[in-house]
Amino acid sequence: MSIDWTALGQVTAVSVGVTIAVVVVFALGVLGLARYEGAREDGGGGTSTLGIAQAGLCFLACAAVVAYGIYLIVPQFH
């Protein structure tokens, strides 16, 4: 039985890369929530809207990536 180490390395690299990207996008969403809360406490309306929009888009992107990963893994969805 032969193992194709190149393919294993590629899968590992893509998995690590996507994981880091999702964590960064999620962290940007948390930053958006912090911006929203900070602006709400200070009474700033424009920054508050920007923060909640940033958080919503980042969390939506994370959810889309996770849903796509589940779609790829579960054979009943194909």
C-alpha atoms as a PDB file:
ATOM      1  CA  MET A   1       0.000   0.000   0.000  1.00  0.00           C
ATOM      2  CA  SER A   2       1.472   3.276  -1.139  1.00  0.00           C
ATOM      3  CA  ILE A   3       0.670   6.640   0.373  1.00  0.00           C
ATOM      4  CA  ASP A   4       0.740   9.705  -1.841  1.00  0.00           C
ATOM      5  CA  TRP A   5       2.529  12.112   0.501  1.00  0.00           C
ATOM      6  CA  THR A   6       2.089  15.027  -1.902  1.00  0.00           C
ATOM      7  CA  ALA A   7      -1.688  14.762  -1.775  1.00  0.00           C
ATOM      8  CA  LEU A   8      -1.620  14.426   2.005  1.00  0.00           C
ATOM      9  CA  GLY A   9       0.564  17.528   2.243  1.00  0.00           C
ATOM     10  CA  GLN A  10      -1.768  19.490  -0.025  1.00  0.00           C
ATOM     11  CA  VAL A  11      -4.837  18.523   1.991  1.00  0.00           C
ATOM     12  CA  THR A  12      -3.035  19.479   5.195  1.00  0.00           C
ATOM     13  CA  ALA A  13      -1.951  22.849   3.783  1.00  0.00           C
ATOM     14  CA  VAL A  14      -5.440  23.687   2.537  1.00  0.00           C
ATOM     15  CA  SER A  15      -7.025  22.603   5.832  1.00  0.00           C
ATOM     16  CA  VAL A  16      -4.650  24.703   7.915  1.00  0.00           C
ATOM     17  CA  GLY A  17      -5.028  27.684   5.570  1.00  0.00           C
ATOM     18  CA  VAL A  18      -8.822  27.589   5.625  1.00  0.00           C
ATOM     19  CA  THR A  19      -8.859  27.141   9.394  1.00  0.00           C
ATOM     20  CA  ILE A  20      -6.643  30.201   9.879  1.00  0.00           C
ATOM     21  CA  ALA A  21      -8.785  32.219   7.456  1.00  0.00           C
ATOM     22  CA  VAL A  22     -12.026  31.291   9.249  1.00  0.00           C
ATOM     23  CA  VAL A  23     -10.527  32.162  12.638  1.00  0.00           C
ATOM     24  CA  VAL A  24      -9.340  35.554  11.328  1.00  0.00           C
ATOM     25  CA  VAL A  25     -12.757  36.332   9.803  1.00  0.00           C
ATOM     26  CA  PHE A  26     -14.477  35.265  13.032  1.00  0.00           C
ATOM     27  CA  ALA A  27     -12.115  37.504  15.027  1.00  0.00           C
ATOM     28  CA  LEU A  28     -13.023  40.404  12.725  1.00  0.00           C
ATOM     29  CA  GLY A  29     -16.675  39.675  13.512  1.00  0.00           C
ATOM     30  CA  VAL A  30     -15.950  39.836  17.231  1.00  0.00           C
ATOM     31  CA  LEU A  31     -14.098  43.109  16.613  1.00  0.00           C
ATOM     32  CA  GLY A  32     -17.199  44.413  14.844  1.00  0.00           C
ATOM     33  CA  LEU A  33     -19.333  43.498  17.843  1.00  0.00           C
ATOM     34  CA  ALA A  34     -16.873  45.284  20.128  1.00  0.00           C
ATOM     35  CA  ARG A  35     -17.034  48.334  17.859  1.00  0.00           C
ATOM     36  CA  TYR A  36     -20.832  48.193  17.999  1.00  0.00           C
ATOM     37  CA  GLU A  37     -20.888  47.971  21.798  1.00  0.00           C
ATOM     38  CA  GLY A  38     -18.309  50.738  22.177  1.00  0.00           C
ATOM     39  CA  ALA A  39     -20.198  53.056  19.852  1.00  0.00           C
ATOM     40  CA  ARG A  40     -23.466  52.279  21.586  1.00  0.00           C
ATOM     41  CA  GLU A  41     -21.994  53.214  24.951  1.00  0.00           C
ATOM     42  CA  ASP A  42     -20.548  56.433  23.500  1.00  0.00           C
ATOM     43  CA  GLY A  43     -23.745  57.277  21.608  1.00  0.00           C
ATOM     44  CA  GLY A  44     -22.158  57.119  18.124  1.00  0.00           C
ATOM     45  CA  GLY A  45     -24.705  56.034  15.517  1.00  0.00           C
ATOM     46  CA  GLY A  46     -22.576  55.687  12.366  1.00  0.00           C
ATOM     47  CA  THR A  47     -19.844  53.583  13.921  1.00  0.00           C
ATOM     48  CA  SER A  48     -22.483  51.466  15.619  1.00  0.00           C
ATOM     49  CA  THR A  49     -24.074  50.589  12.283  1.00  0.00           C
ATOM     50  CA  LEU A  50     -20.698  49.881  10.723  1.00  0.00           C
ATOM     51  CA  GLY A  51     -19.751  47.561  13.590  1.00  0.00           C
ATOM     52  CA  ILE A  52     -22.938  45.516  13.436  1.00  0.00           C
ATOM     53  CA  ALA A  53     -22.661  45.271   9.628  1.00  0.00           C
ATOM     54  CA  GLN A  54     -19.048  44.094   9.927  1.00  0.00           C
ATOM     55  CA  ALA A  55     -20.000  41.498  12.534  1.00  0.00           C
ATOM     56  CA  GLY A  56     -22.960  40.254  10.506  1.00  0.00           C
ATOM     57  CA  LEU A  57     -20.965  39.864   7.304  1.00  0.00           C
ATOM     58  CA  CYS A  58     -18.074  38.115   9.046  1.00  0.00           C
ATOM     59  CA  PHE A  59     -20.309  35.682  10.917  1.00  0.00           C
ATOM     60  CA  LEU A  60     -22.296  35.003   7.734  1.00  0.00           C
ATOM     61  CA  ALA A  61     -19.059  34.236   5.867  1.00  0.00           C
ATOM     62  CA  CYS A  62     -17.974  31.852   8.642  1.00  0.00           C
ATOM     63  CA  ALA A  63     -21.337  30.099   8.574  1.00  0.00           C
ATOM     64  CA  ALA A  64     -21.133  29.747   4.784  1.00  0.00           C
ATOM     65  CA  VAL A  65     -17.664  28.175   4.952  1.00  0.00           C
ATOM     66  CA  VAL A  66     -18.755  25.738   7.668  1.00  0.00           C
ATOM     67  CA  ALA A  67     -21.928  24.820   5.737  1.00  0.00           C
ATOM     68  CA  TYR A  68     -19.889  24.226   2.569  1.00  0.00           C
ATOM     69  CA  GLY A  69     -17.471  22.016   4.508  1.00  0.00           C
ATOM     70  CA  ILE A  70     -20.346  19.965   5.878  1.00  0.00           C
ATOM     71  CA  TYR A  71     -21.792  19.717   2.367  1.00  0.00           C
ATOM     72  CA  LEU A  72     -18.469  18.351   1.092  1.00  0.00           C
ATOM     73  CA  ILE A  73     -18.124  15.826   3.922  1.00  0.00           C
ATOM     74  CA  VAL A  74     -21.670  14.385   4.101  1.00  0.00           C
ATOM     75  CA  PRO A  75     -22.359  12.207   1.038  1.00  0.00           C
ATOM     76  CA  GLN A  76     -26.166  12.403   1.361  1.00  0.00           C
ATOM     77  CA  PHE A  77     -26.037  16.062   0.290  1.00  0.00           C
ATOM     78  CA  HIS A  78     -24.509  15.252  -3.124  1.00  0.00           C
END
